[in-house]
Amino acid sequence: MKFRLLSIPHQDKGTSDMGASEDTSKQPAAGWRLKSGVALFILSIAIPLIGIPVVTALGVSVTITATLSGALLVGAEVMGIVAIAVMGKDGYAYIKTRVFGFLKQYGPPREVSRFRYTLGLVMFTVPILFGWVSIYAAQLIPGFTENPLPFALGGDILLLASLFMLGGDFWDKIRALFIYDSGVHFTQKQAG
């Protein structure tokens, strides 16, 4: 991970160049607080990803495995909060704008073609239907009862990919499900 260092010129108290200081104050320099906070945040993600498989591979009792896995998860959550505290408000806002700027740049487009929308709907509904059917027909799906993890991961990846295939308008439709006062307004798009 590479950080862009930001140079903030030192100003004397007698000079006041408000335009230059306001632009640079929104993006903090990559000082020790920002670097330490990012390192703690990455560590808070890596600990459960690495630690829980190691704990399960140790071959200890189920109680000890569950206790250690729970402690790793809680510790990771606490470490994530500490990372935000170490970064401070400016550092957290800087990281947040960088991440959301990246996601917005590579996120789904607002409108998509009919074919892409139909393909996205198929990709969206297949994992959901498979999740419902697999509970009742697990014996009929070859390899599912012995090794369900690849099926679960494949379904999750397909579902997430479908959200990007469906575009921004679909995200608004999903969001409207959780707003009580939202209504449906059918509009006819003109061919052309």
N, C-alpha and C. Protein backbone atom coordinates (compact mmCIF):
# COMPACT_ATOMS: atom_id res chain seq x y z
N MET A 1 0.86 -1.17 0.00
CA MET A 1 0.00 0.00 0.00
C MET A 1 0.90 1.22 0.00
N LYS A 2 0.66 2.14 -0.91
CA LYS A 2 1.49 3.32 -1.04
C LYS A 2 0.68 4.54 -0.67
N PHE A 3 1.27 5.44 0.09
CA PHE A 3 0.62 6.68 0.47
C PHE A 3 1.25 7.82 -0.29
N ARG A 4 0.45 8.75 -0.66
CA ARG A 4 0.96 9.95 -1.31
C ARG A 4 1.29 10.94 -0.21
N LEU A 5 2.55 11.32 -0.12
CA LEU A 5 2.95 12.28 0.89
C LEU A 5 2.50 13.66 0.48
N LEU A 6 2.03 14.39 1.45
CA LEU A 6 1.50 15.72 1.19
C LEU A 6 2.39 16.73 1.87
N SER A 7 2.86 17.67 1.15
CA SER A 7 3.74 18.69 1.69
C SER A 7 2.91 19.89 2.13
N ILE A 8 3.00 20.20 3.41
CA ILE A 8 2.29 21.36 3.95
C ILE A 8 3.33 22.43 4.26
N PRO A 9 3.29 23.54 3.54
CA PRO A 9 4.30 24.57 3.77
C PRO A 9 4.11 25.22 5.14
N HIS A 10 5.23 25.53 5.78
CA HIS A 10 5.19 26.19 7.08
C HIS A 10 4.87 27.67 6.87
N GLN A 11 3.91 28.16 7.64
CA GLN A 11 3.54 29.57 7.52
C GLN A 11 3.87 30.31 8.79
N ASP A 12 4.34 31.51 8.64
CA ASP A 12 4.57 32.35 9.80
C ASP A 12 3.23 32.86 10.30
N LYS A 13 3.21 33.23 11.57
CA LYS A 13 1.96 33.71 12.15
C LYS A 13 1.52 35.03 11.54
N GLY A 14 2.46 35.78 11.00
CA GLY A 14 2.13 37.06 10.43
C GLY A 14 1.46 36.96 9.07
N THR A 15 1.70 35.89 8.33
CA THR A 15 1.11 35.76 7.00
C THR A 15 -0.17 34.98 7.10
N SER A 16 -1.08 35.33 6.24
CA SER A 16 -2.36 34.60 6.24
C SER A 16 -2.77 34.32 4.81
N ASP A 17 -2.52 33.12 4.38
CA ASP A 17 -2.95 32.68 3.07
C ASP A 17 -4.00 31.59 3.30
N MET A 18 -5.23 32.01 3.50
CA MET A 18 -6.30 31.10 3.90
C MET A 18 -6.61 30.07 2.83
N GLY A 19 -6.52 30.42 1.57
CA GLY A 19 -6.86 29.48 0.50
C GLY A 19 -5.94 28.28 0.48
N ALA A 20 -4.64 28.48 0.69
CA ALA A 20 -3.69 27.37 0.63
C ALA A 20 -3.81 26.48 1.85
N SER A 21 -4.04 27.06 3.04
CA SER A 21 -4.08 26.24 4.25
C SER A 21 -5.37 25.43 4.34
N GLU A 22 -6.46 25.93 3.76
CA GLU A 22 -7.71 25.18 3.82
C GLU A 22 -7.65 23.94 2.96
N ASP A 23 -7.01 24.01 1.78
CA ASP A 23 -6.93 22.86 0.89
C ASP A 23 -6.08 21.75 1.49
N THR A 24 -4.97 22.11 2.14
CA THR A 24 -4.08 21.09 2.68
C THR A 24 -4.55 20.57 4.02
N SER A 25 -5.39 21.29 4.75
CA SER A 25 -5.83 20.81 6.05
C SER A 25 -6.81 19.65 5.93
N LYS A 26 -7.43 19.49 4.78
CA LYS A 26 -8.37 18.38 4.60
C LYS A 26 -7.64 17.06 4.42
N GLN A 27 -6.39 17.09 3.95
CA GLN A 27 -5.62 15.87 3.74
C GLN A 27 -4.37 15.94 4.61
N PRO A 28 -4.33 15.15 5.70
CA PRO A 28 -3.17 15.22 6.59
C PRO A 28 -1.95 14.59 5.95
N ALA A 29 -0.79 15.04 6.42
CA ALA A 29 0.45 14.43 5.96
C ALA A 29 0.51 13.00 6.47
N ALA A 30 1.22 12.15 5.75
CA ALA A 30 1.34 10.75 6.14
C ALA A 30 2.31 10.64 7.31
N GLY A 31 1.90 11.15 8.47
CA GLY A 31 2.72 11.12 9.66
C GLY A 31 2.59 9.79 10.39
N TRP A 32 3.17 9.74 11.57
CA TRP A 32 3.19 8.49 12.33
C TRP A 32 1.79 8.07 12.76
N ARG A 33 0.91 9.02 13.03
CA ARG A 33 -0.45 8.66 13.47
C ARG A 33 -1.23 7.99 12.34
N LEU A 34 -1.14 8.53 11.15
CA LEU A 34 -1.85 7.94 10.01
C LEU A 34 -1.27 6.57 9.67
N LYS A 35 0.06 6.48 9.63
CA LYS A 35 0.69 5.20 9.31
C LYS A 35 0.39 4.15 10.37
N SER A 36 0.46 4.53 11.64
CA SER A 36 0.16 3.58 12.72
C SER A 36 -1.30 3.15 12.69
N GLY A 37 -2.19 4.09 12.43
CA GLY A 37 -3.61 3.76 12.36
C GLY A 37 -3.92 2.81 11.23
N VAL A 38 -3.32 3.04 10.06
CA VAL A 38 -3.54 2.15 8.92
C VAL A 38 -2.96 0.77 9.22
N ALA A 39 -1.79 0.72 9.85
CA ALA A 39 -1.18 -0.57 10.20
C ALA A 39 -2.07 -1.33 11.19
N LEU A 40 -2.60 -0.64 12.19
CA LEU A 40 -3.50 -1.28 13.15
C LEU A 40 -4.78 -1.76 12.47
N PHE A 41 -5.29 -0.96 11.54
CA PHE A 41 -6.51 -1.34 10.83
C PHE A 41 -6.28 -2.59 9.98
N ILE A 42 -5.17 -2.64 9.27
CA ILE A 42 -4.84 -3.82 8.46
C ILE A 42 -4.63 -5.03 9.35
N LEU A 43 -3.99 -4.82 10.50
CA LEU A 43 -3.78 -5.90 11.45
C LEU A 43 -5.11 -6.40 12.02
N SER A 44 -6.05 -5.48 12.22
CA SER A 44 -7.36 -5.89 12.75
C SER A 44 -8.13 -6.74 11.74
N ILE A 45 -7.84 -6.58 10.48
CA ILE A 45 -8.46 -7.43 9.46
C ILE A 45 -7.71 -8.75 9.33
N ALA A 46 -6.37 -8.69 9.41
CA ALA A 46 -5.55 -9.89 9.20
C ALA A 46 -5.62 -10.88 10.35
N ILE A 47 -5.76 -10.38 11.57
CA ILE A 47 -5.74 -11.30 12.73
C ILE A 47 -6.83 -12.36 12.64
N PRO A 48 -8.10 -12.01 12.41
CA PRO A 48 -9.08 -13.09 12.31
C PRO A 48 -8.89 -13.96 11.07
N LEU A 49 -8.47 -13.36 9.96
CA LEU A 49 -8.30 -14.13 8.73
C LEU A 49 -7.19 -15.17 8.85
N ILE A 50 -6.15 -14.82 9.58
CA ILE A 50 -5.03 -15.74 9.74
C ILE A 50 -5.17 -16.55 11.04
N GLY A 51 -5.58 -15.88 12.10
CA GLY A 51 -5.62 -16.51 13.42
C GLY A 51 -6.65 -17.62 13.57
N ILE A 52 -7.84 -17.43 13.05
CA ILE A 52 -8.90 -18.43 13.23
C ILE A 52 -8.56 -19.73 12.51
N PRO A 53 -8.08 -19.72 11.27
CA PRO A 53 -7.66 -21.00 10.67
C PRO A 53 -6.52 -21.67 11.44
N VAL A 54 -5.59 -20.88 11.99
CA VAL A 54 -4.50 -21.46 12.77
C VAL A 54 -5.05 -22.13 14.03
N VAL A 55 -6.00 -21.47 14.70
CA VAL A 55 -6.59 -22.03 15.92
C VAL A 55 -7.34 -23.32 15.61
N THR A 56 -8.07 -23.34 14.51
CA THR A 56 -8.81 -24.56 14.17
C THR A 56 -7.86 -25.69 13.76
N ALA A 57 -6.70 -25.35 13.21
CA ALA A 57 -5.74 -26.37 12.81
C ALA A 57 -4.95 -26.94 13.98
N LEU A 58 -5.01 -26.30 15.14
CA LEU A 58 -4.25 -26.77 16.29
C LEU A 58 -4.76 -28.10 16.82
N GLY A 59 -6.02 -28.39 16.58
CA GLY A 59 -6.58 -29.66 17.03
C GLY A 59 -6.97 -29.68 18.49
N VAL A 60 -7.20 -28.53 19.09
CA VAL A 60 -7.65 -28.48 20.49
C VAL A 60 -9.15 -28.70 20.55
N SER A 61 -9.70 -28.75 21.74
CA SER A 61 -11.13 -29.04 21.89
C SER A 61 -11.98 -27.94 21.27
N VAL A 62 -13.22 -28.28 21.05
CA VAL A 62 -14.14 -27.34 20.42
C VAL A 62 -14.35 -26.11 21.30
N THR A 63 -14.39 -26.29 22.60
CA THR A 63 -14.59 -25.18 23.53
C THR A 63 -13.43 -24.19 23.46
N ILE A 64 -12.22 -24.71 23.47
CA ILE A 64 -11.04 -23.83 23.40
C ILE A 64 -10.97 -23.15 22.04
N THR A 65 -11.28 -23.89 20.98
CA THR A 65 -11.27 -23.30 19.63
C THR A 65 -12.28 -22.16 19.54
N ALA A 66 -13.49 -22.38 20.05
CA ALA A 66 -14.52 -21.34 20.00
C ALA A 66 -14.13 -20.14 20.85
N THR A 67 -13.55 -20.39 22.02
CA THR A 67 -13.14 -19.29 22.90
C THR A 67 -12.03 -18.46 22.25
N LEU A 68 -11.01 -19.12 21.72
CA LEU A 68 -9.91 -18.39 21.08
C LEU A 68 -10.37 -17.65 19.83
N SER A 69 -11.25 -18.28 19.04
CA SER A 69 -11.77 -17.61 17.84
C SER A 69 -12.59 -16.39 18.21
N GLY A 70 -13.42 -16.51 19.24
CA GLY A 70 -14.20 -15.36 19.70
C GLY A 70 -13.31 -14.24 20.21
N ALA A 71 -12.26 -14.62 20.96
CA ALA A 71 -11.33 -13.61 21.47
C ALA A 71 -10.61 -12.90 20.33
N LEU A 72 -10.25 -13.65 19.29
CA LEU A 72 -9.60 -13.03 18.13
C LEU A 72 -10.54 -12.05 17.43
N LEU A 73 -11.81 -12.43 17.28
CA LEU A 73 -12.76 -11.54 16.63
C LEU A 73 -13.02 -10.28 17.44
N VAL A 74 -13.21 -10.43 18.75
CA VAL A 74 -13.44 -9.26 19.61
C VAL A 74 -12.20 -8.38 19.63
N GLY A 75 -11.02 -9.01 19.74
CA GLY A 75 -9.78 -8.23 19.73
C GLY A 75 -9.60 -7.47 18.44
N ALA A 76 -9.99 -8.07 17.33
CA ALA A 76 -9.87 -7.40 16.04
C ALA A 76 -10.81 -6.19 15.97
N GLU A 77 -12.02 -6.34 16.49
CA GLU A 77 -12.96 -5.20 16.50
C GLU A 77 -12.43 -4.06 17.35
N VAL A 78 -11.90 -4.39 18.52
CA VAL A 78 -11.34 -3.37 19.41
C VAL A 78 -10.15 -2.71 18.74
N MET A 79 -9.32 -3.51 18.07
CA MET A 79 -8.15 -2.96 17.38
C MET A 79 -8.57 -2.02 16.25
N GLY A 80 -9.67 -2.33 15.58
CA GLY A 80 -10.17 -1.44 14.54
C GLY A 80 -10.61 -0.09 15.10
N ILE A 81 -11.24 -0.12 16.26
CA ILE A 81 -11.65 1.14 16.91
C ILE A 81 -10.43 1.92 17.37
N VAL A 82 -9.44 1.21 17.92
CA VAL A 82 -8.20 1.87 18.34
C VAL A 82 -7.50 2.48 17.13
N ALA A 83 -7.54 1.80 16.00
CA ALA A 83 -6.91 2.33 14.78
C ALA A 83 -7.53 3.66 14.40
N ILE A 84 -8.85 3.75 14.48
CA ILE A 84 -9.53 5.01 14.15
C ILE A 84 -9.14 6.09 15.15
N ALA A 85 -9.03 5.71 16.43
CA ALA A 85 -8.64 6.69 17.45
C ALA A 85 -7.21 7.18 17.23
N VAL A 86 -6.32 6.28 16.85
CA VAL A 86 -4.92 6.67 16.60
C VAL A 86 -4.83 7.59 15.39
N MET A 87 -5.58 7.27 14.32
CA MET A 87 -5.56 8.10 13.12
C MET A 87 -6.11 9.49 13.40
N GLY A 88 -7.05 9.57 14.28
CA GLY A 88 -7.70 10.84 14.55
C GLY A 88 -8.78 11.12 13.52
N LYS A 89 -9.53 12.18 13.77
CA LYS A 89 -10.64 12.53 12.89
C LYS A 89 -10.17 12.84 11.48
N ASP A 90 -9.09 13.62 11.36
CA ASP A 90 -8.59 14.00 10.04
C ASP A 90 -8.05 12.79 9.28
N GLY A 91 -7.32 11.93 9.96
CA GLY A 91 -6.78 10.73 9.31
C GLY A 91 -7.87 9.78 8.86
N TYR A 92 -8.88 9.59 9.73
CA TYR A 92 -9.99 8.71 9.37
C TYR A 92 -10.76 9.28 8.18
N ALA A 93 -11.00 10.60 8.19
CA ALA A 93 -11.70 11.23 7.07
C ALA A 93 -10.89 11.11 5.78
N TYR A 94 -9.57 11.23 5.89
CA TYR A 94 -8.70 11.10 4.72
C TYR A 94 -8.80 9.70 4.13
N ILE A 95 -8.68 8.68 4.97
CA ILE A 95 -8.76 7.29 4.50
C ILE A 95 -10.15 7.02 3.92
N LYS A 96 -11.17 7.51 4.59
CA LYS A 96 -12.54 7.29 4.13
C LYS A 96 -12.77 7.92 2.76
N THR A 97 -12.29 9.13 2.55
CA THR A 97 -12.49 9.76 1.24
C THR A 97 -11.69 9.04 0.16
N ARG A 98 -10.51 8.54 0.50
CA ARG A 98 -9.71 7.80 -0.49
C ARG A 98 -10.39 6.49 -0.88
N VAL A 99 -10.91 5.75 0.11
CA VAL A 99 -11.56 4.47 -0.17
C VAL A 99 -12.84 4.68 -0.95
N PHE A 100 -13.70 5.62 -0.50
CA PHE A 100 -14.95 5.85 -1.21
C PHE A 100 -14.71 6.47 -2.58
N GLY A 101 -13.65 7.27 -2.73
CA GLY A 101 -13.30 7.80 -4.05
C GLY A 101 -12.90 6.68 -5.00
N PHE A 102 -12.16 5.71 -4.50
CA PHE A 102 -11.77 4.56 -5.32
C PHE A 102 -13.00 3.74 -5.70
N LEU A 103 -13.87 3.48 -4.72
CA LEU A 103 -15.08 2.69 -5.01
C LEU A 103 -16.01 3.41 -5.98
N LYS A 104 -16.10 4.72 -5.84
CA LYS A 104 -16.96 5.48 -6.75
C LYS A 104 -16.41 5.47 -8.17
N GLN A 105 -15.09 5.51 -8.28
CA GLN A 105 -14.45 5.50 -9.59
C GLN A 105 -14.67 4.17 -10.31
N TYR A 106 -14.60 3.06 -9.57
CA TYR A 106 -14.73 1.74 -10.17
C TYR A 106 -16.07 1.08 -9.84
N GLY A 107 -16.99 1.82 -9.27
CA GLY A 107 -18.28 1.28 -8.89
C GLY A 107 -19.19 1.10 -10.09
N PRO A 108 -20.41 0.66 -9.82
CA PRO A 108 -21.33 0.39 -10.93
C PRO A 108 -21.81 1.68 -11.59
N PRO A 109 -22.08 1.63 -12.88
CA PRO A 109 -22.61 2.81 -13.57
C PRO A 109 -24.07 3.06 -13.15
N ARG A 110 -24.54 4.24 -13.40
CA ARG A 110 -25.90 4.61 -13.01
C ARG A 110 -26.93 3.78 -13.77
N GLU A 111 -26.83 3.75 -15.09
CA GLU A 111 -27.77 2.99 -15.91
C GLU A 111 -27.01 1.93 -16.70
N VAL A 112 -27.68 0.79 -16.91
CA VAL A 112 -27.07 -0.30 -17.67
C VAL A 112 -28.02 -0.74 -18.77
N SER A 113 -27.51 -1.52 -19.72
CA SER A 113 -28.35 -2.00 -20.82
C SER A 113 -29.32 -3.07 -20.32
N ARG A 114 -30.32 -3.35 -21.11
CA ARG A 114 -31.32 -4.37 -20.74
C ARG A 114 -30.68 -5.74 -20.57
N PHE A 115 -29.74 -6.11 -21.49
CA PHE A 115 -29.08 -7.40 -21.39
C PHE A 115 -28.27 -7.51 -20.09
N ARG A 116 -27.52 -6.45 -19.77
CA ARG A 116 -26.72 -6.46 -18.55
C ARG A 116 -27.62 -6.53 -17.32
N TYR A 117 -28.74 -5.84 -17.34
CA TYR A 117 -29.67 -5.86 -16.22
C TYR A 117 -30.27 -7.26 -16.05
N THR A 118 -30.67 -7.90 -17.15
CA THR A 118 -31.23 -9.25 -17.09
C THR A 118 -30.19 -10.24 -16.58
N LEU A 119 -28.97 -10.14 -17.08
CA LEU A 119 -27.89 -11.01 -16.62
C LEU A 119 -27.61 -10.78 -15.14
N GLY A 120 -27.62 -9.53 -14.71
CA GLY A 120 -27.42 -9.21 -13.30
C GLY A 120 -28.52 -9.77 -12.42
N LEU A 121 -29.77 -9.73 -12.90
CA LEU A 121 -30.87 -10.30 -12.12
C LEU A 121 -30.73 -11.81 -11.97
N VAL A 122 -30.30 -12.48 -13.03
CA VAL A 122 -30.07 -13.93 -12.95
C VAL A 122 -28.95 -14.21 -11.94
N MET A 123 -27.86 -13.44 -12.03
CA MET A 123 -26.76 -13.61 -11.09
C MET A 123 -27.20 -13.31 -9.66
N PHE A 124 -28.14 -12.41 -9.48
CA PHE A 124 -28.62 -12.03 -8.16
C PHE A 124 -29.54 -13.10 -7.57
N THR A 125 -30.41 -13.67 -8.40
CA THR A 125 -31.41 -14.61 -7.88
C THR A 125 -30.88 -16.04 -7.74
N VAL A 126 -29.94 -16.45 -8.56
CA VAL A 126 -29.44 -17.84 -8.50
C VAL A 126 -28.87 -18.19 -7.14
N PRO A 127 -27.97 -17.38 -6.53
CA PRO A 127 -27.45 -17.76 -5.21
C PRO A 127 -28.53 -17.78 -4.12
N ILE A 128 -29.50 -16.87 -4.23
CA ILE A 128 -30.57 -16.84 -3.23
C ILE A 128 -31.43 -18.09 -3.35
N LEU A 129 -31.82 -18.43 -4.56
CA LEU A 129 -32.62 -19.65 -4.76
C LEU A 129 -31.83 -20.90 -4.39
N PHE A 130 -30.54 -20.93 -4.74
CA PHE A 130 -29.71 -22.08 -4.38
C PHE A 130 -29.61 -22.23 -2.87
N GLY A 131 -29.50 -21.10 -2.16
CA GLY A 131 -29.45 -21.15 -0.70
C GLY A 131 -30.72 -21.75 -0.10
N TRP A 132 -31.87 -21.41 -0.67
CA TRP A 132 -33.12 -21.98 -0.17
C TRP A 132 -33.25 -23.46 -0.53
N VAL A 133 -32.94 -23.79 -1.76
CA VAL A 133 -33.10 -25.18 -2.22
C VAL A 133 -32.08 -26.10 -1.56
N SER A 134 -30.86 -25.62 -1.36
CA SER A 134 -29.81 -26.50 -0.83
C SER A 134 -30.11 -27.02 0.56
N ILE A 135 -30.88 -26.31 1.33
CA ILE A 135 -31.25 -26.79 2.66
C ILE A 135 -32.13 -28.02 2.56
N TYR A 136 -33.06 -28.01 1.62
CA TYR A 136 -34.03 -29.11 1.50
C TYR A 136 -33.53 -30.23 0.59
N ALA A 137 -32.63 -29.94 -0.33
CA ALA A 137 -32.19 -30.93 -1.30
C ALA A 137 -30.68 -31.12 -1.26
N ALA A 138 -30.08 -31.04 -0.08
CA ALA A 138 -28.63 -31.15 0.05
C ALA A 138 -28.12 -32.49 -0.45
N GLN A 139 -28.89 -33.55 -0.24
CA GLN A 139 -28.45 -34.89 -0.66
C GLN A 139 -28.45 -35.04 -2.18
N LEU A 140 -29.23 -34.21 -2.88
CA LEU A 140 -29.32 -34.32 -4.33
C LEU A 140 -28.23 -33.54 -5.07
N ILE A 141 -27.52 -32.65 -4.36
CA ILE A 141 -26.48 -31.84 -4.97
C ILE A 141 -25.14 -32.55 -4.76
N PRO A 142 -24.49 -32.99 -5.83
CA PRO A 142 -23.24 -33.76 -5.68
C PRO A 142 -22.14 -32.94 -4.99
N GLY A 143 -21.57 -33.48 -3.93
CA GLY A 143 -20.47 -32.86 -3.22
C GLY A 143 -20.85 -31.78 -2.24
N PHE A 144 -22.12 -31.45 -2.13
CA PHE A 144 -22.53 -30.34 -1.27
C PHE A 144 -22.41 -30.68 0.21
N THR A 145 -22.86 -31.87 0.61
CA THR A 145 -22.84 -32.22 2.04
C THR A 145 -21.41 -32.44 2.54
N GLU A 146 -20.50 -32.94 1.68
CA GLU A 146 -19.12 -33.17 2.10
C GLU A 146 -18.32 -31.88 2.16
N ASN A 147 -18.60 -30.95 1.27
CA ASN A 147 -17.79 -29.73 1.18
C ASN A 147 -18.67 -28.55 0.76
N PRO A 148 -19.41 -27.95 1.70
CA PRO A 148 -20.32 -26.85 1.33
C PRO A 148 -19.64 -25.50 1.15
N LEU A 149 -18.40 -25.35 1.62
CA LEU A 149 -17.73 -24.04 1.56
C LEU A 149 -17.56 -23.51 0.14
N PRO A 150 -17.12 -24.30 -0.85
CA PRO A 150 -17.01 -23.74 -2.21
C PRO A 150 -18.35 -23.27 -2.77
N PHE A 151 -19.42 -23.96 -2.42
CA PHE A 151 -20.75 -23.54 -2.87
C PHE A 151 -21.13 -22.20 -2.23
N ALA A 152 -20.83 -22.06 -0.94
CA ALA A 152 -21.15 -20.82 -0.23
C ALA A 152 -20.32 -19.65 -0.78
N LEU A 153 -19.03 -19.87 -0.96
CA LEU A 153 -18.17 -18.81 -1.50
C LEU A 153 -18.57 -18.43 -2.92
N GLY A 154 -18.87 -19.43 -3.73
CA GLY A 154 -19.29 -19.15 -5.11
C GLY A 154 -20.58 -18.34 -5.14
N GLY A 155 -21.52 -18.69 -4.28
CA GLY A 155 -22.77 -17.93 -4.21
C GLY A 155 -22.56 -16.51 -3.74
N ASP A 156 -21.69 -16.33 -2.73
CA ASP A 156 -21.42 -14.97 -2.24
C ASP A 156 -20.75 -14.11 -3.30
N ILE A 157 -19.78 -14.69 -4.00
CA ILE A 157 -19.08 -13.94 -5.05
C ILE A 157 -20.04 -13.59 -6.19
N LEU A 158 -20.89 -14.54 -6.55
CA LEU A 158 -21.87 -14.29 -7.61
C LEU A 158 -22.85 -13.19 -7.20
N LEU A 159 -23.29 -13.21 -5.96
CA LEU A 159 -24.23 -12.19 -5.47
C LEU A 159 -23.58 -10.81 -5.46
N LEU A 160 -22.35 -10.72 -4.99
CA LEU A 160 -21.66 -9.42 -4.98
C LEU A 160 -21.39 -8.92 -6.39
N ALA A 161 -20.99 -9.82 -7.29
CA ALA A 161 -20.75 -9.42 -8.68
C ALA A 161 -22.04 -8.94 -9.34
N SER A 162 -23.17 -9.54 -8.96
CA SER A 162 -24.44 -9.13 -9.56
C SER A 162 -24.80 -7.70 -9.20
N LEU A 163 -24.43 -7.27 -7.98
CA LEU A 163 -24.73 -5.89 -7.58
C LEU A 163 -23.99 -4.88 -8.45
N PHE A 164 -22.80 -5.24 -8.91
CA PHE A 164 -22.08 -4.35 -9.81
C PHE A 164 -22.61 -4.46 -11.24
N MET A 165 -23.11 -5.63 -11.60
CA MET A 165 -23.70 -5.80 -12.94
C MET A 165 -25.00 -5.00 -13.08
N LEU A 166 -25.78 -4.94 -11.99
CA LEU A 166 -27.11 -4.34 -12.06
C LEU A 166 -27.08 -2.82 -12.13
N GLY A 167 -26.02 -2.19 -11.69
CA GLY A 167 -25.91 -0.74 -11.80
C GLY A 167 -26.50 0.01 -10.62
N GLY A 168 -26.32 1.33 -10.66
CA GLY A 168 -26.72 2.20 -9.57
C GLY A 168 -28.22 2.29 -9.36
N ASP A 169 -29.01 2.19 -10.43
CA ASP A 169 -30.46 2.25 -10.27
C ASP A 169 -30.97 1.10 -9.41
N PHE A 170 -30.37 -0.08 -9.54
CA PHE A 170 -30.79 -1.22 -8.73
C PHE A 170 -30.47 -0.98 -7.26
N TRP A 171 -29.32 -0.33 -6.99
CA TRP A 171 -28.97 -0.02 -5.60
C TRP A 171 -30.03 0.90 -5.00
N ASP A 172 -30.55 1.83 -5.79
CA ASP A 172 -31.61 2.70 -5.30
C ASP A 172 -32.89 1.92 -5.02
N LYS A 173 -33.17 0.92 -5.84
CA LYS A 173 -34.35 0.07 -5.61
C LYS A 173 -34.20 -0.73 -4.33
N ILE A 174 -33.01 -1.26 -4.09
CA ILE A 174 -32.76 -2.00 -2.85
C ILE A 174 -32.87 -1.06 -1.65
N ARG A 175 -32.32 0.13 -1.77
CA ARG A 175 -32.38 1.12 -0.68
C ARG A 175 -33.83 1.49 -0.38
N ALA A 176 -34.66 1.59 -1.41
CA ALA A 176 -36.06 1.96 -1.22
C ALA A 176 -36.83 0.91 -0.42
N LEU A 177 -36.35 -0.33 -0.42
CA LEU A 177 -37.02 -1.37 0.38
C LEU A 177 -36.99 -1.04 1.87
N PHE A 178 -35.98 -0.30 2.30
CA PHE A 178 -35.80 -0.03 3.71
C PHE A 178 -36.30 1.36 4.12
N ILE A 179 -36.95 2.05 3.22
CA ILE A 179 -37.52 3.36 3.52
C ILE A 179 -39.04 3.22 3.50
N TYR A 180 -39.66 3.46 4.63
CA TYR A 180 -41.09 3.23 4.78
C TYR A 180 -41.91 4.08 3.82
N ASP A 181 -41.58 5.33 3.67
CA ASP A 181 -42.38 6.26 2.87
C ASP A 181 -42.11 6.18 1.37
N SER A 182 -41.20 5.33 0.94
CA SER A 182 -40.89 5.27 -0.49
C SER A 182 -42.02 4.59 -1.24
N GLY A 183 -42.22 5.02 -2.46
CA GLY A 183 -43.27 4.45 -3.29
C GLY A 183 -42.72 4.06 -4.65
N VAL A 184 -43.53 3.39 -5.41
CA VAL A 184 -43.12 2.94 -6.74
C VAL A 184 -43.75 3.88 -7.76
N HIS A 185 -42.95 4.38 -8.67
CA HIS A 185 -43.43 5.22 -9.75
C HIS A 185 -42.93 4.61 -11.05
N PHE A 186 -43.83 4.02 -11.82
CA PHE A 186 -43.45 3.41 -13.08
C PHE A 186 -43.38 4.48 -14.15
N THR A 187 -42.25 4.51 -14.84
CA THR A 187 -42.08 5.46 -15.94
C THR A 187 -41.73 4.66 -17.18
N GLN A 188 -42.26 5.09 -18.29
CA GLN A 188 -42.00 4.42 -19.57
C GLN A 188 -40.83 5.12 -20.22
N LYS A 189 -39.74 4.37 -20.46
CA LYS A 189 -38.60 4.95 -21.15
C LYS A 189 -38.89 4.96 -22.64
N GLN A 190 -38.53 6.04 -23.27
CA GLN A 190 -38.77 6.17 -24.70
C GLN A 190 -37.67 5.45 -25.47
N ALA A 191 -38.08 4.69 -26.46
CA ALA A 191 -37.10 3.99 -27.30
C ALA A 191 -36.40 5.02 -28.19
N GLY A 192 -35.15 4.81 -28.36
CA GLY A 192 -34.49 5.75 -29.24
C GLY A 192 -33.07 5.69 -29.26
